[in-house]
Each structure stands twice: as structure tokens, then as C-alpha cells.
Amino acid sequence: MIPEHLSVEIVTPTSQIFESEVDYLRAPGIDGLFGVMPGHVPSVIALDIGEIAVEQTGDRKYLATSGGYAEIHSDQVTLIVETAERVEEIDLERAKSAEQRARERLEHKRDQTVDEARAKAALHRAANRIRIAGRR
């Protein structure tokens, strides 16, 4: 029998960000976006930087994440993520400032002290937060 709802929990190393019954969850896997509905086959999926969307009775909520893992069961999903921010919690000015700092570091990557991979990841995270903040 397929359950009616999914119990979803989103946790970071320091806090529980979200816990609720939902109808649908979409998350950014490292191989692309994936969706989960009640009755999903059990899975463990690596998450990438991107947008998490949860739908409850037609209302969608959005969160920005910087990656982690999803543990999926037919009636339960646990997202263990590095970071997650609800759209209304994103500080847009801070995200824009982080994006600018990352761009500047990449422009000066000839400098031996610049970690290019880290700067690219920071740029990707900042751009993701800015994009998701636009959903307000």
C-alpha cells in the first residue's frame, strides 16, 4: 500500500531545518534533479549545491542547500545536508557580497594563495542562494 504523505526531515550538522509531512520533494542530486513521492523505492542519493523544493497541499517551499545526502524510504526522506536555508532566511546582500568575493578570487587565481576549486564552489553556492532568494 502506498502511503499518502512523506515524512521529510532536513538536518545540518548543527540543527534541524525542516520537519513535516509533504506530498512531494525535489532535490539536487549530483546527477541532476530528482523527485520523491510517497511509495518511492528506497535509495541513498548524493546531493549537490542547488534548490530543495517541498510541496504541502499545493504550497511549495524552497530551500538553498550546499550538498549532502538523501536517505529515501517509501514513506520517509531524510536529507543530511552541509547547509540549508529557507528562501525567506537568505540574506541577499550577504549572498551578493560572497559572490563578488569569489569572482575577485577567481580573477586573481594566478596568485598562489588562491584555491581555485574552493573559489569556484563558493561562487556556485552564492549564485544558488541569489537565484533561490528570487523565489520570495
Protein backbone atom coordinates (compact mmCIF):
# COMPACT_ATOMS: atom_id res chain seq x y z
CA MET A 1 0.00 0.00 0.00
CA ILE A 2 1.38 3.41 -0.99
CA PRO A 3 1.46 5.93 1.89
CA GLU A 4 -0.44 9.22 1.47
CA HIS A 5 2.42 11.51 2.51
CA LEU A 6 6.16 11.58 3.01
CA SER A 7 7.67 12.40 6.36
CA VAL A 8 10.56 14.75 5.49
CA GLU A 9 13.36 15.83 7.78
CA ILE A 10 16.17 18.17 6.69
CA VAL A 11 19.10 18.37 9.08
CA THR A 12 22.51 20.06 9.12
CA PRO A 13 25.38 19.24 11.46
CA THR A 14 24.08 21.88 13.87
CA SER A 15 20.28 21.93 13.59
CA GLN A 16 17.04 20.55 12.24
CA ILE A 17 15.93 22.88 9.44
CA PHE A 18 12.64 21.29 8.40
CA GLU A 19 10.35 18.51 9.59
CA SER A 20 6.90 17.91 8.16
CA GLU A 21 4.59 15.68 6.20
CA VAL A 22 4.76 16.55 2.48
CA ASP A 23 3.25 15.41 -0.79
CA TYR A 24 6.37 15.83 -2.91
CA LEU A 25 10.05 16.65 -2.54
CA ARG A 26 12.51 17.71 -5.25
CA ALA A 27 16.24 17.89 -4.57
CA PRO A 28 19.50 18.46 -6.46
CA GLY A 29 21.32 15.15 -6.89
CA ILE A 30 24.88 15.12 -8.19
CA ASP A 31 23.48 13.54 -11.37
CA GLY A 32 20.64 16.08 -11.66
CA LEU A 33 17.34 16.94 -10.01
CA PHE A 34 15.23 14.11 -8.64
CA GLY A 35 11.73 13.97 -7.20
CA VAL A 36 10.30 11.85 -4.43
CA MET A 37 6.64 10.97 -3.91
CA PRO A 38 5.07 8.55 -1.43
CA GLY A 39 5.93 4.99 -2.36
CA HIS A 40 9.40 5.82 -3.72
CA VAL A 41 11.87 2.96 -3.90
CA PRO A 42 14.42 3.02 -1.05
CA SER A 43 17.56 4.92 -2.12
CA VAL A 44 20.57 6.85 -0.91
CA ILE A 45 21.45 9.75 -3.20
CA ALA A 46 24.35 12.24 -3.02
CA LEU A 47 23.15 15.84 -3.13
CA ASP A 48 24.73 18.76 -4.94
CA ILE A 49 24.52 22.52 -4.48
CA GLY A 50 21.03 23.58 -5.52
CA GLU A 51 17.40 24.03 -4.63
CA ILE A 52 15.24 21.80 -2.44
CA ALA A 53 11.50 22.15 -3.01
CA VAL A 54 8.84 20.61 -0.77
CA GLU A 55 5.17 20.64 -1.62
CA GLN A 56 2.44 20.51 1.01
CA THR A 57 -1.17 20.60 -0.17
CA GLY A 58 -0.28 22.67 -3.23
CA ASP A 59 2.02 25.11 -1.38
CA ARG A 60 5.72 24.97 -2.34
CA LYS A 61 8.55 25.90 -0.02
CA TYR A 62 12.11 26.39 -1.24
CA LEU A 63 15.47 25.95 0.45
CA ALA A 64 19.02 26.52 -0.76
CA THR A 65 21.47 23.72 0.00
CA SER A 66 25.17 23.20 -0.48
CA GLY A 67 25.03 19.42 -0.75
CA GLY A 68 24.85 16.31 1.38
CA TYR A 69 22.91 13.04 1.18
CA ALA A 70 19.30 11.93 0.88
CA GLU A 71 18.09 8.72 2.52
CA ILE A 72 14.79 7.73 0.96
CA HIS A 73 12.20 5.18 2.09
CA SER A 74 8.67 4.71 0.78
CA ASP A 75 7.18 6.98 3.45
CA GLN A 76 10.17 8.92 4.77
CA VAL A 77 13.00 11.10 3.44
CA THR A 78 15.92 12.38 5.48
CA LEU A 79 18.19 14.98 3.93
CA ILE A 80 21.51 15.30 5.73
CA VAL A 81 22.99 18.47 4.31
CA GLU A 82 26.02 20.67 4.87
CA THR A 83 23.81 23.78 4.89
CA ALA A 84 20.20 24.62 4.13
CA GLU A 85 18.42 27.97 4.19
CA ARG A 86 14.73 28.63 3.71
CA VAL A 87 14.10 31.18 0.97
CA GLU A 88 12.90 33.77 3.49
CA GLU A 89 16.10 33.36 5.56
CA ILE A 90 18.55 34.08 2.73
CA ASP A 91 20.40 37.35 3.26
CA LEU A 92 20.52 38.58 -0.34
CA GLU A 93 23.13 41.28 0.29
CA ARG A 94 25.40 38.79 2.04
CA ALA A 95 24.99 36.33 -0.86
CA LYS A 96 25.83 39.06 -3.40
CA SER A 97 28.89 40.03 -1.38
CA ALA A 98 30.05 36.39 -1.25
CA GLU A 99 29.55 36.09 -4.99
CA GLN A 100 31.65 39.22 -5.60
CA ARG A 101 34.46 37.98 -3.32
CA ALA A 102 34.52 34.62 -5.12
CA ARG A 103 34.65 36.32 -8.54
CA GLU A 104 37.53 38.51 -7.39
CA ARG A 105 39.45 35.50 -6.10
CA LEU A 106 38.97 33.72 -9.42
CA GLU A 107 40.17 36.78 -11.34
CA HIS A 108 43.39 36.68 -9.31
CA LYS A 109 43.90 32.93 -9.47
CA ARG A 110 47.49 33.35 -10.66
CA ASP A 111 48.20 34.31 -7.07
CA GLN A 112 49.49 31.10 -5.47
CA THR A 113 47.38 31.65 -2.34
CA VAL A 114 44.07 31.30 -4.24
CA ASP A 115 42.46 27.86 -4.06
CA GLU A 116 40.63 27.82 -7.41
CA ALA A 117 38.36 24.84 -6.63
CA ARG A 118 37.30 26.42 -3.36
CA ALA A 119 36.63 29.78 -5.03
CA LYS A 120 34.53 28.12 -7.76
CA ALA A 121 32.50 26.25 -5.13
CA ALA A 122 31.94 29.50 -3.19
CA LEU A 123 30.79 31.21 -6.39
CA HIS A 124 28.39 28.35 -7.17
CA ARG A 125 26.92 28.42 -3.61
CA ALA A 126 26.48 32.21 -3.69
CA ALA A 127 24.84 32.17 -7.13
CA ASN A 128 22.49 29.41 -5.93
CA ARG A 129 21.46 31.43 -2.87
CA ILE A 130 20.84 34.53 -5.03
CA ARG A 131 18.74 32.54 -7.51
CA ILE A 132 16.63 30.93 -4.80
CA ALA A 133 16.19 34.24 -2.94
CA GLY A 134 14.42 35.43 -6.08
CA ARG A 135 11.57 33.00 -5.29
CA ARG A 136 10.31 35.18 -2.41
